[in-house]
Amino acid sequence: MQRDIQEDPSAGSLRERQRAETRERLFQAALDEIRREGVVGAQVDRIVASIGVARSTFYFHFPTKEDVLVDYDRRRELEIVGLLQAVLQHGAPLRLALTGIVTAFTAIESVPSERRLLLETVALHVRRMAVREGHPLIDELERIVEAARDRGEVRDDLAARDVALLFMGNLVGFLIGLADRGRQQPSPGQLIEAFLGGVEARR
């Protein structure tokens, strides 16, 4: 009589855990490579050699080198969203939210080891400007703008999503300007004041 063979459920969870660990190791190794060489100069062969896996393993987890940046960018955005949600209480002024976002990004830019990654993700946003989904920070900012509009802070004729996208576009330009250390540019406060001047409801 043949007995039914049942797969040990723990075997599947072990494989998933090992796969997740390999992905995280690849992710960190790829970030190190991009920090040194940029996306264009980064070599997949060096990435996989540094952690001892096959080249095909990289492409199983990341179809392109840019997908590493997409993952990095999403993680960073989720961290900022978490900070905003922890700090901002219901009804907090839009100005406070924008200040928090700018502060978070300028703090990242001020760390030399992270500056290259930030600029690479800024360039990625420029290349993918038409992609409107998959940005948790823009989604959160849209909700914040909607609440501000309901309180009468933001003009009624502006869509909340458009305001969020416009601000993030301005922030991208600001961060690119920060990379040019020898050129004077507006302060974070001036960036926010200039932006609010165009979207705030007239009293």
N, C-alpha and C. Protein backbone atom coordinates (compact mmCIF):
# COMPACT_ATOMS: atom_id res chain seq x y z
N MET A 1 0.85 -1.19 0.00
CA MET A 1 0.00 0.00 0.00
C MET A 1 0.89 1.25 0.00
N GLN A 2 0.65 2.13 -0.94
CA GLN A 2 1.48 3.33 -1.09
C GLN A 2 1.01 4.42 -0.13
N ARG A 3 1.96 4.98 0.60
CA ARG A 3 1.61 6.03 1.56
C ARG A 3 1.70 7.39 0.87
N ASP A 4 0.79 8.27 1.23
CA ASP A 4 0.86 9.64 0.72
C ASP A 4 2.10 10.33 1.29
N ILE A 5 2.85 11.00 0.42
CA ILE A 5 4.02 11.74 0.86
C ILE A 5 3.65 13.21 0.96
N GLN A 6 3.75 13.74 2.15
CA GLN A 6 3.41 15.14 2.37
C GLN A 6 4.68 15.95 2.57
N GLU A 7 4.75 17.05 1.88
CA GLU A 7 5.93 17.91 2.01
C GLU A 7 5.91 18.62 3.35
N ASP A 8 7.07 18.69 3.97
CA ASP A 8 7.21 19.38 5.24
C ASP A 8 6.97 20.88 5.01
N PRO A 9 5.94 21.48 5.64
CA PRO A 9 5.66 22.91 5.41
C PRO A 9 6.82 23.80 5.81
N SER A 10 7.63 23.34 6.76
CA SER A 10 8.77 24.16 7.17
C SER A 10 9.82 24.27 6.08
N ALA A 11 9.85 23.28 5.16
CA ALA A 11 10.82 23.32 4.07
C ALA A 11 10.54 24.50 3.14
N GLY A 12 9.24 24.73 2.87
CA GLY A 12 8.87 25.85 2.02
C GLY A 12 9.22 27.18 2.65
N SER A 13 8.95 27.31 3.95
CA SER A 13 9.25 28.57 4.63
C SER A 13 10.76 28.78 4.72
N LEU A 14 11.53 27.68 4.86
CA LEU A 14 12.99 27.80 4.89
C LEU A 14 13.51 28.32 3.55
N ARG A 15 12.97 27.77 2.46
CA ARG A 15 13.39 28.23 1.12
C ARG A 15 13.06 29.70 0.92
N GLU A 16 11.86 30.11 1.37
CA GLU A 16 11.48 31.51 1.24
C GLU A 16 12.40 32.41 2.05
N ARG A 17 12.77 31.95 3.23
CA ARG A 17 13.66 32.74 4.09
C ARG A 17 15.05 32.85 3.45
N GLN A 18 15.54 31.74 2.90
CA GLN A 18 16.85 31.76 2.24
C GLN A 18 16.83 32.66 1.01
N ARG A 19 15.72 32.60 0.27
CA ARG A 19 15.59 33.45 -0.92
C ARG A 19 15.59 34.93 -0.53
N ALA A 20 14.85 35.25 0.55
CA ALA A 20 14.80 36.64 1.02
C ALA A 20 16.17 37.10 1.51
N GLU A 21 16.89 36.22 2.18
CA GLU A 21 18.23 36.58 2.66
C GLU A 21 19.19 36.81 1.50
N THR A 22 19.10 35.97 0.47
CA THR A 22 19.95 36.15 -0.71
C THR A 22 19.62 37.46 -1.41
N ARG A 23 18.34 37.77 -1.51
CA ARG A 23 17.94 39.03 -2.15
C ARG A 23 18.48 40.22 -1.40
N GLU A 24 18.41 40.17 -0.06
CA GLU A 24 18.90 41.28 0.75
C GLU A 24 20.41 41.43 0.61
N ARG A 25 21.13 40.33 0.58
CA ARG A 25 22.59 40.39 0.39
C ARG A 25 22.93 40.99 -0.97
N LEU A 26 22.21 40.56 -2.00
CA LEU A 26 22.41 41.13 -3.34
C LEU A 26 22.10 42.62 -3.35
N PHE A 27 21.01 42.98 -2.70
CA PHE A 27 20.59 44.38 -2.64
C PHE A 27 21.69 45.24 -2.01
N GLN A 28 22.20 44.82 -0.87
CA GLN A 28 23.23 45.61 -0.19
C GLN A 28 24.53 45.65 -1.00
N ALA A 29 24.90 44.52 -1.62
CA ALA A 29 26.11 44.49 -2.45
C ALA A 29 25.96 45.39 -3.66
N ALA A 30 24.77 45.40 -4.25
CA ALA A 30 24.52 46.25 -5.42
C ALA A 30 24.56 47.73 -5.03
N LEU A 31 24.01 48.07 -3.87
CA LEU A 31 24.07 49.46 -3.40
C LEU A 31 25.52 49.90 -3.20
N ASP A 32 26.34 49.02 -2.63
CA ASP A 32 27.75 49.35 -2.44
C ASP A 32 28.43 49.61 -3.79
N GLU A 33 28.11 48.78 -4.77
CA GLU A 33 28.69 48.93 -6.11
C GLU A 33 28.22 50.23 -6.76
N ILE A 34 26.95 50.56 -6.60
CA ILE A 34 26.42 51.80 -7.19
C ILE A 34 26.99 53.02 -6.47
N ARG A 35 27.20 52.92 -5.17
CA ARG A 35 27.84 54.03 -4.44
C ARG A 35 29.22 54.34 -5.02
N ARG A 36 29.95 53.29 -5.38
CA ARG A 36 31.31 53.47 -5.91
C ARG A 36 31.32 53.88 -7.37
N GLU A 37 30.47 53.24 -8.18
CA GLU A 37 30.59 53.35 -9.63
C GLU A 37 29.42 54.04 -10.33
N GLY A 38 28.32 54.27 -9.60
CA GLY A 38 27.11 54.76 -10.27
C GLY A 38 26.40 53.62 -10.98
N VAL A 39 25.18 53.87 -11.43
CA VAL A 39 24.41 52.81 -12.09
C VAL A 39 25.08 52.37 -13.39
N VAL A 40 25.51 53.33 -14.18
CA VAL A 40 26.10 52.99 -15.48
C VAL A 40 27.37 52.17 -15.30
N GLY A 41 28.21 52.56 -14.36
CA GLY A 41 29.48 51.87 -14.18
C GLY A 41 29.40 50.60 -13.34
N ALA A 42 28.28 50.39 -12.66
CA ALA A 42 28.14 49.21 -11.81
C ALA A 42 28.17 47.93 -12.65
N GLN A 43 28.87 46.92 -12.18
CA GLN A 43 29.01 45.65 -12.89
C GLN A 43 28.33 44.53 -12.10
N VAL A 44 27.40 43.85 -12.76
CA VAL A 44 26.70 42.74 -12.11
C VAL A 44 27.68 41.65 -11.71
N ASP A 45 28.70 41.40 -12.54
CA ASP A 45 29.68 40.36 -12.22
C ASP A 45 30.38 40.65 -10.89
N ARG A 46 30.70 41.92 -10.64
CA ARG A 46 31.35 42.27 -9.37
C ARG A 46 30.39 42.11 -8.20
N ILE A 47 29.12 42.47 -8.43
CA ILE A 47 28.11 42.36 -7.37
C ILE A 47 27.96 40.91 -6.92
N VAL A 48 27.76 40.00 -7.89
CA VAL A 48 27.53 38.60 -7.52
C VAL A 48 28.79 37.95 -6.97
N ALA A 49 29.95 38.35 -7.50
CA ALA A 49 31.21 37.78 -6.99
C ALA A 49 31.43 38.16 -5.53
N SER A 50 30.99 39.34 -5.15
CA SER A 50 31.23 39.80 -3.78
C SER A 50 30.48 38.99 -2.74
N ILE A 51 29.39 38.32 -3.15
CA ILE A 51 28.64 37.49 -2.18
C ILE A 51 28.60 36.02 -2.58
N GLY A 52 29.29 35.68 -3.69
CA GLY A 52 29.44 34.28 -4.06
C GLY A 52 28.20 33.60 -4.61
N VAL A 53 27.45 34.31 -5.46
CA VAL A 53 26.29 33.69 -6.12
C VAL A 53 26.44 33.82 -7.63
N ALA A 54 25.60 33.10 -8.37
CA ALA A 54 25.66 33.12 -9.82
C ALA A 54 25.05 34.41 -10.37
N ARG A 55 25.50 34.79 -11.56
CA ARG A 55 24.97 35.98 -12.23
C ARG A 55 23.45 35.90 -12.40
N SER A 56 22.98 34.68 -12.73
CA SER A 56 21.53 34.50 -12.95
C SER A 56 20.73 34.78 -11.68
N THR A 57 21.37 34.60 -10.51
CA THR A 57 20.68 34.87 -9.25
C THR A 57 20.33 36.35 -9.13
N PHE A 58 21.26 37.20 -9.59
CA PHE A 58 20.97 38.64 -9.55
C PHE A 58 19.73 38.95 -10.38
N TYR A 59 19.69 38.43 -11.60
CA TYR A 59 18.57 38.76 -12.50
C TYR A 59 17.27 38.10 -12.07
N PHE A 60 17.36 37.03 -11.27
CA PHE A 60 16.14 36.44 -10.72
C PHE A 60 15.46 37.44 -9.77
N HIS A 61 16.27 38.16 -9.00
CA HIS A 61 15.73 39.09 -8.02
C HIS A 61 15.57 40.51 -8.56
N PHE A 62 16.47 40.92 -9.45
CA PHE A 62 16.45 42.29 -9.99
C PHE A 62 16.63 42.24 -11.50
N PRO A 63 15.55 42.45 -12.27
CA PRO A 63 15.66 42.37 -13.74
C PRO A 63 16.72 43.31 -14.31
N THR A 64 16.91 44.48 -13.68
CA THR A 64 17.92 45.44 -14.14
C THR A 64 18.59 46.06 -12.92
N LYS A 65 19.72 46.74 -13.15
CA LYS A 65 20.38 47.46 -12.05
C LYS A 65 19.48 48.57 -11.53
N GLU A 66 18.68 49.18 -12.41
CA GLU A 66 17.77 50.25 -11.97
C GLU A 66 16.75 49.75 -10.96
N ASP A 67 16.40 48.45 -11.06
CA ASP A 67 15.43 47.91 -10.11
C ASP A 67 15.97 47.89 -8.69
N VAL A 68 17.29 47.82 -8.54
CA VAL A 68 17.88 47.96 -7.21
C VAL A 68 17.58 49.36 -6.66
N LEU A 69 17.74 50.37 -7.51
CA LEU A 69 17.45 51.75 -7.10
C LEU A 69 15.97 51.94 -6.79
N VAL A 70 15.10 51.31 -7.58
CA VAL A 70 13.66 51.41 -7.32
C VAL A 70 13.36 50.88 -5.92
N ASP A 71 13.96 49.75 -5.56
CA ASP A 71 13.76 49.17 -4.23
C ASP A 71 14.32 50.10 -3.15
N TYR A 72 15.52 50.62 -3.38
CA TYR A 72 16.13 51.55 -2.43
C TYR A 72 15.25 52.79 -2.24
N ASP A 73 14.76 53.33 -3.33
CA ASP A 73 13.95 54.54 -3.29
C ASP A 73 12.65 54.29 -2.54
N ARG A 74 12.03 53.14 -2.79
CA ARG A 74 10.77 52.83 -2.11
C ARG A 74 10.99 52.66 -0.61
N ARG A 75 12.06 52.01 -0.23
CA ARG A 75 12.35 51.84 1.20
C ARG A 75 12.57 53.20 1.86
N ARG A 76 13.31 54.06 1.20
CA ARG A 76 13.59 55.38 1.75
C ARG A 76 12.30 56.19 1.88
N GLU A 77 11.45 56.11 0.85
CA GLU A 77 10.18 56.84 0.91
C GLU A 77 9.31 56.34 2.06
N LEU A 78 9.27 55.01 2.24
CA LEU A 78 8.45 54.45 3.32
C LEU A 78 8.97 54.90 4.69
N GLU A 79 10.29 55.03 4.83
CA GLU A 79 10.86 55.53 6.09
C GLU A 79 10.40 56.97 6.34
N ILE A 80 10.41 57.79 5.29
CA ILE A 80 10.00 59.19 5.44
C ILE A 80 8.51 59.27 5.75
N VAL A 81 7.71 58.43 5.07
CA VAL A 81 6.27 58.39 5.34
C VAL A 81 6.04 58.02 6.81
N GLY A 82 6.78 57.03 7.30
CA GLY A 82 6.64 56.62 8.69
C GLY A 82 6.96 57.76 9.66
N LEU A 83 8.02 58.53 9.35
CA LEU A 83 8.37 59.67 10.18
C LEU A 83 7.27 60.73 10.15
N LEU A 84 6.73 61.00 8.95
CA LEU A 84 5.68 62.00 8.83
C LEU A 84 4.46 61.60 9.64
N GLN A 85 4.09 60.32 9.54
CA GLN A 85 2.90 59.86 10.25
C GLN A 85 3.11 59.87 11.76
N ALA A 86 4.36 59.65 12.19
CA ALA A 86 4.65 59.65 13.63
C ALA A 86 4.67 61.06 14.20
N VAL A 87 5.13 62.02 13.40
CA VAL A 87 5.32 63.38 13.88
C VAL A 87 4.08 64.25 13.68
N LEU A 88 3.46 64.11 12.51
CA LEU A 88 2.34 64.99 12.17
C LEU A 88 1.05 64.47 12.79
N GLN A 89 0.38 65.32 13.51
CA GLN A 89 -0.94 64.99 14.03
C GLN A 89 -1.98 65.45 13.02
N HIS A 90 -3.18 64.93 13.15
CA HIS A 90 -4.26 65.33 12.26
C HIS A 90 -4.45 66.84 12.30
N GLY A 91 -4.49 67.45 11.16
CA GLY A 91 -4.70 68.89 11.10
C GLY A 91 -3.42 69.70 11.11
N ALA A 92 -2.24 69.02 11.06
CA ALA A 92 -0.98 69.77 11.04
C ALA A 92 -0.89 70.55 9.74
N PRO A 93 -0.35 71.78 9.79
CA PRO A 93 -0.27 72.61 8.58
C PRO A 93 0.55 71.95 7.49
N LEU A 94 0.18 72.23 6.24
CA LEU A 94 0.91 71.70 5.09
C LEU A 94 2.38 72.11 5.16
N ARG A 95 2.64 73.31 5.59
CA ARG A 95 4.02 73.82 5.70
C ARG A 95 4.89 72.87 6.54
N LEU A 96 4.33 72.35 7.63
CA LEU A 96 5.09 71.46 8.51
C LEU A 96 5.43 70.16 7.79
N ALA A 97 4.49 69.62 7.03
CA ALA A 97 4.74 68.39 6.28
C ALA A 97 5.83 68.60 5.23
N LEU A 98 5.75 69.70 4.49
CA LEU A 98 6.75 69.97 3.46
C LEU A 98 8.13 70.16 4.08
N THR A 99 8.17 70.83 5.23
CA THR A 99 9.44 71.03 5.92
C THR A 99 10.04 69.69 6.34
N GLY A 100 9.19 68.78 6.81
CA GLY A 100 9.66 67.46 7.20
C GLY A 100 10.25 66.68 6.03
N ILE A 101 9.60 66.77 4.87
CA ILE A 101 10.08 66.06 3.69
C ILE A 101 11.43 66.62 3.23
N VAL A 102 11.51 67.95 3.14
CA VAL A 102 12.76 68.57 2.70
C VAL A 102 13.89 68.26 3.69
N THR A 103 13.59 68.32 4.97
CA THR A 103 14.59 68.03 5.99
C THR A 103 15.11 66.60 5.86
N ALA A 104 14.20 65.66 5.62
CA ALA A 104 14.61 64.26 5.49
C ALA A 104 15.54 64.06 4.30
N PHE A 105 15.20 64.66 3.16
CA PHE A 105 16.03 64.48 1.96
C PHE A 105 17.37 65.21 2.08
N THR A 106 17.38 66.39 2.67
CA THR A 106 18.66 67.10 2.82
C THR A 106 19.56 66.38 3.82
N ALA A 107 18.96 65.70 4.81
CA ALA A 107 19.76 64.91 5.75
C ALA A 107 20.44 63.75 5.04
N ILE A 108 19.70 63.10 4.12
CA ILE A 108 20.28 62.01 3.34
C ILE A 108 21.41 62.54 2.46
N GLU A 109 21.16 63.68 1.82
CA GLU A 109 22.14 64.26 0.90
C GLU A 109 23.41 64.68 1.62
N SER A 110 23.30 65.00 2.90
CA SER A 110 24.47 65.49 3.65
C SER A 110 25.43 64.36 4.02
N VAL A 111 25.00 63.11 3.89
CA VAL A 111 25.87 61.96 4.21
C VAL A 111 26.63 61.57 2.94
N PRO A 112 27.94 61.75 2.91
CA PRO A 112 28.70 61.49 1.67
C PRO A 112 28.45 60.11 1.06
N SER A 113 28.34 59.08 1.88
CA SER A 113 28.16 57.72 1.34
C SER A 113 26.78 57.53 0.72
N GLU A 114 25.81 58.37 1.11
CA GLU A 114 24.45 58.25 0.57
C GLU A 114 24.18 59.22 -0.56
N ARG A 115 25.04 60.22 -0.72
CA ARG A 115 24.80 61.27 -1.72
C ARG A 115 24.71 60.69 -3.13
N ARG A 116 25.61 59.77 -3.45
CA ARG A 116 25.61 59.17 -4.79
C ARG A 116 24.32 58.42 -5.05
N LEU A 117 23.85 57.66 -4.06
CA LEU A 117 22.59 56.93 -4.22
C LEU A 117 21.42 57.87 -4.41
N LEU A 118 21.41 58.95 -3.63
CA LEU A 118 20.32 59.92 -3.75
C LEU A 118 20.29 60.53 -5.14
N LEU A 119 21.44 60.94 -5.65
CA LEU A 119 21.49 61.55 -6.97
C LEU A 119 21.11 60.54 -8.06
N GLU A 120 21.50 59.29 -7.87
CA GLU A 120 21.12 58.25 -8.84
C GLU A 120 19.60 58.05 -8.84
N THR A 121 18.97 58.10 -7.66
CA THR A 121 17.52 57.93 -7.61
C THR A 121 16.81 59.16 -8.16
N VAL A 122 17.39 60.34 -7.95
CA VAL A 122 16.83 61.56 -8.55
C VAL A 122 16.85 61.43 -10.06
N ALA A 123 17.97 60.96 -10.62
CA ALA A 123 18.07 60.77 -12.07
C ALA A 123 17.06 59.73 -12.54
N LEU A 124 16.84 58.70 -11.73
CA LEU A 124 15.86 57.67 -12.06
C LEU A 124 14.46 58.28 -12.14
N HIS A 125 14.13 59.16 -11.20
CA HIS A 125 12.82 59.83 -11.22
C HIS A 125 12.67 60.66 -12.49
N VAL A 126 13.72 61.33 -12.90
CA VAL A 126 13.65 62.14 -14.12
C VAL A 126 13.40 61.24 -15.33
N ARG A 127 14.08 60.10 -15.39
CA ARG A 127 13.91 59.19 -16.52
C ARG A 127 12.52 58.57 -16.52
N ARG A 128 11.93 58.40 -15.35
CA ARG A 128 10.62 57.74 -15.25
C ARG A 128 9.52 58.72 -14.84
N MET A 129 9.65 59.94 -15.27
CA MET A 129 8.76 61.01 -14.82
C MET A 129 7.28 60.71 -15.11
N ALA A 130 7.02 59.93 -16.16
CA ALA A 130 5.63 59.66 -16.54
C ALA A 130 4.99 58.60 -15.65
N VAL A 131 5.79 57.88 -14.87
CA VAL A 131 5.25 56.83 -14.01
C VAL A 131 4.67 57.46 -12.76
N ARG A 132 3.37 57.33 -12.58
CA ARG A 132 2.69 58.02 -11.48
C ARG A 132 2.39 57.10 -10.30
N GLU A 133 2.57 55.79 -10.47
CA GLU A 133 2.26 54.85 -9.40
C GLU A 133 3.53 54.37 -8.70
N GLY A 134 3.33 53.77 -7.53
CA GLY A 134 4.45 53.15 -6.84
C GLY A 134 5.31 54.10 -6.05
N HIS A 135 4.75 55.24 -5.63
CA HIS A 135 5.51 56.22 -4.86
C HIS A 135 4.78 56.50 -3.55
N PRO A 136 5.12 55.76 -2.47
CA PRO A 136 4.38 55.94 -1.21
C PRO A 136 4.46 57.35 -0.65
N LEU A 137 5.57 58.04 -0.89
CA LEU A 137 5.70 59.40 -0.36
C LEU A 137 4.76 60.35 -1.09
N ILE A 138 4.64 60.20 -2.41
CA ILE A 138 3.71 61.04 -3.16
C ILE A 138 2.27 60.73 -2.74
N ASP A 139 1.98 59.45 -2.51
CA ASP A 139 0.63 59.07 -2.06
C ASP A 139 0.31 59.72 -0.71
N GLU A 140 1.28 59.69 0.21
CA GLU A 140 1.07 60.29 1.53
C GLU A 140 0.93 61.80 1.43
N LEU A 141 1.78 62.41 0.60
CA LEU A 141 1.70 63.87 0.43
C LEU A 141 0.36 64.26 -0.20
N GLU A 142 -0.14 63.45 -1.10
CA GLU A 142 -1.46 63.73 -1.69
C GLU A 142 -2.53 63.75 -0.60
N ARG A 143 -2.47 62.80 0.33
CA ARG A 143 -3.46 62.77 1.43
C ARG A 143 -3.30 64.01 2.32
N ILE A 144 -2.05 64.41 2.56
CA ILE A 144 -1.81 65.59 3.40
C ILE A 144 -2.35 66.85 2.71
N VAL A 145 -2.13 66.95 1.40
CA VAL A 145 -2.62 68.11 0.65
C VAL A 145 -4.15 68.14 0.64
N GLU A 146 -4.77 66.97 0.48
CA GLU A 146 -6.24 66.90 0.50
C GLU A 146 -6.78 67.42 1.83
N ALA A 147 -6.15 67.00 2.93
CA ALA A 147 -6.60 67.46 4.24
C ALA A 147 -6.39 68.97 4.38
N ALA A 148 -5.27 69.47 3.86
CA ALA A 148 -5.00 70.91 3.93
C ALA A 148 -6.01 71.69 3.08
N ARG A 149 -6.38 71.12 1.95
CA ARG A 149 -7.38 71.79 1.10
C ARG A 149 -8.74 71.82 1.79
N ASP A 150 -9.07 70.74 2.49
CA ASP A 150 -10.33 70.69 3.23
C ASP A 150 -10.36 71.75 4.34
N ARG A 151 -9.17 72.08 4.87
CA ARG A 151 -9.10 73.10 5.92
C ARG A 151 -9.01 74.51 5.34
N GLY A 152 -8.98 74.61 4.01
CA GLY A 152 -8.92 75.92 3.38
C GLY A 152 -7.53 76.47 3.18
N GLU A 153 -6.49 75.62 3.35
CA GLU A 153 -5.11 76.09 3.18
C GLU A 153 -4.67 76.12 1.72
N VAL A 154 -5.26 75.23 0.90
CA VAL A 154 -4.83 75.06 -0.50
C VAL A 154 -5.97 75.44 -1.43
N ARG A 155 -5.63 76.04 -2.55
CA ARG A 155 -6.63 76.47 -3.53
C ARG A 155 -7.51 75.30 -3.97
N ASP A 156 -8.81 75.58 -4.12
CA ASP A 156 -9.78 74.56 -4.51
C ASP A 156 -9.60 74.09 -5.94
N ASP A 157 -9.00 74.93 -6.79
CA ASP A 157 -8.90 74.58 -8.20
C ASP A 157 -7.70 73.68 -8.51
N LEU A 158 -6.94 73.29 -7.49
CA LEU A 158 -5.77 72.44 -7.70
C LEU A 158 -6.05 71.03 -7.18
N ALA A 159 -5.78 70.03 -8.02
CA ALA A 159 -5.93 68.64 -7.59
C ALA A 159 -4.80 68.29 -6.63
N ALA A 160 -5.14 67.57 -5.58
CA ALA A 160 -4.15 67.24 -4.55
C ALA A 160 -2.98 66.46 -5.14
N ARG A 161 -3.27 65.52 -6.05
CA ARG A 161 -2.19 64.73 -6.66
C ARG A 161 -1.25 65.63 -7.45
N ASP A 162 -1.81 66.58 -8.18
CA ASP A 162 -0.97 67.48 -8.97
C ASP A 162 -0.08 68.34 -8.07
N VAL A 163 -0.62 68.78 -6.94
CA VAL A 163 0.17 69.58 -6.01
C VAL A 163 1.32 68.74 -5.45
N ALA A 164 1.03 67.48 -5.10
CA ALA A 164 2.07 66.59 -4.57
C ALA A 164 3.16 66.35 -5.62
N LEU A 165 2.76 66.10 -6.85
CA LEU A 165 3.74 65.86 -7.92
C LEU A 165 4.56 67.11 -8.20
N LEU A 166 3.91 68.27 -8.16
CA LEU A 166 4.61 69.52 -8.42
C LEU A 166 5.66 69.77 -7.33
N PHE A 167 5.29 69.53 -6.08
CA PHE A 167 6.25 69.75 -5.01
C PHE A 167 7.44 68.80 -5.14
N MET A 168 7.17 67.52 -5.41
CA MET A 168 8.27 66.56 -5.54
C MET A 168 9.15 66.90 -6.73
N GLY A 169 8.56 67.44 -7.80
CA GLY A 169 9.36 67.89 -8.94
C GLY A 169 10.27 69.04 -8.55
N ASN A 170 9.74 69.99 -7.77
CA ASN A 170 10.56 71.10 -7.27
C ASN A 170 11.67 70.59 -6.36
N LEU A 171 11.35 69.59 -5.54
CA LEU A 171 12.34 69.03 -4.63
C LEU A 171 13.47 68.34 -5.40
N VAL A 172 13.12 67.65 -6.48
CA VAL A 172 14.14 67.02 -7.32
C VAL A 172 15.12 68.07 -7.84
N GLY A 173 14.58 69.19 -8.34
CA GLY A 173 15.45 70.27 -8.83
C GLY A 173 16.32 70.82 -7.72
N PHE A 174 15.76 70.96 -6.53
CA PHE A 174 16.51 71.46 -5.39
C PHE A 174 17.66 70.52 -5.03
N LEU A 175 17.39 69.21 -5.03
CA LEU A 175 18.42 68.24 -4.68
C LEU A 175 19.53 68.19 -5.73
N ILE A 176 19.16 68.36 -7.00
CA ILE A 176 20.18 68.43 -8.05
C ILE A 176 21.08 69.64 -7.81
N GLY A 177 20.47 70.75 -7.41
CA GLY A 177 21.25 71.96 -7.12
C GLY A 177 22.19 71.78 -5.95
N LEU A 178 21.79 70.99 -4.96
CA LEU A 178 22.65 70.75 -3.80
C LEU A 178 23.95 70.06 -4.20
N ALA A 179 23.88 69.27 -5.27
CA ALA A 179 25.06 68.53 -5.70
C ALA A 179 26.16 69.45 -6.20
N ASP A 180 25.78 70.65 -6.65
CA ASP A 180 26.77 71.63 -7.11
C ASP A 180 27.19 72.48 -5.92
N ARG A 181 28.22 72.02 -5.23
CA ARG A 181 28.63 72.65 -3.98
C ARG A 181 29.10 74.10 -4.15
N GLY A 182 29.56 74.44 -5.35
CA GLY A 182 30.10 75.78 -5.54
C GLY A 182 29.07 76.81 -5.96
N ARG A 183 27.83 76.40 -6.16
CA ARG A 183 26.81 77.32 -6.66
C ARG A 183 25.81 77.65 -5.55
N GLN A 184 25.51 78.92 -5.41
CA GLN A 184 24.55 79.35 -4.40
C GLN A 184 23.15 79.02 -4.90
N GLN A 185 22.30 78.56 -4.01
CA GLN A 185 20.93 78.24 -4.39
C GLN A 185 19.99 78.55 -3.25
N PRO A 186 18.68 78.53 -3.49
CA PRO A 186 17.74 78.85 -2.42
C PRO A 186 17.90 77.91 -1.23
N SER A 187 17.53 78.38 -0.07
CA SER A 187 17.54 77.55 1.14
C SER A 187 16.29 76.66 1.13
N PRO A 188 16.25 75.61 1.96
CA PRO A 188 15.03 74.80 2.07
C PRO A 188 13.80 75.65 2.41
N GLY A 189 13.98 76.63 3.30
CA GLY A 189 12.86 77.49 3.65
C GLY A 189 12.35 78.30 2.48
N GLN A 190 13.26 78.80 1.65
CA GLN A 190 12.86 79.57 0.46
C GLN A 190 12.14 78.68 -0.55
N LEU A 191 12.61 77.43 -0.67
CA LEU A 191 11.93 76.47 -1.56
C LEU A 191 10.48 76.30 -1.14
N ILE A 192 10.26 76.11 0.15
CA ILE A 192 8.91 75.87 0.66
C ILE A 192 8.05 77.13 0.52
N GLU A 193 8.61 78.28 0.86
CA GLU A 193 7.84 79.52 0.77
C GLU A 193 7.42 79.80 -0.67
N ALA A 194 8.35 79.61 -1.61
CA ALA A 194 8.04 79.86 -3.02
C ALA A 194 6.96 78.92 -3.50
N PHE A 195 7.03 77.66 -3.08
CA PHE A 195 6.02 76.69 -3.50
C PHE A 195 4.66 77.02 -2.92
N LEU A 196 4.62 77.29 -1.62
CA LEU A 196 3.34 77.60 -0.98
C LEU A 196 2.71 78.87 -1.56
N GLY A 197 3.56 79.79 -2.00
CA GLY A 197 3.03 81.02 -2.59
C GLY A 197 2.16 80.76 -3.81
N GLY A 198 2.39 79.65 -4.47
CA GLY A 198 1.61 79.34 -5.67
C GLY A 198 0.39 78.46 -5.41
N VAL A 199 0.34 77.79 -4.25
CA VAL A 199 -0.76 76.84 -4.03
C VAL A 199 -1.66 77.23 -2.86
N GLU A 200 -1.24 78.12 -2.01
CA GLU A 200 -2.04 78.47 -0.85
C GLU A 200 -3.30 79.24 -1.25
N ALA A 201 -4.37 78.95 -0.54
CA ALA A 201 -5.62 79.69 -0.77
C ALA A 201 -5.43 81.12 -0.28
N ARG A 202 -6.04 82.06 -1.02
CA ARG A 202 -5.95 83.47 -0.62
C ARG A 202 -6.94 83.74 0.51
N ARG A 203 -6.46 84.40 1.53
CA ARG A 203 -7.32 84.71 2.69
C ARG A 203 -8.15 85.95 2.41
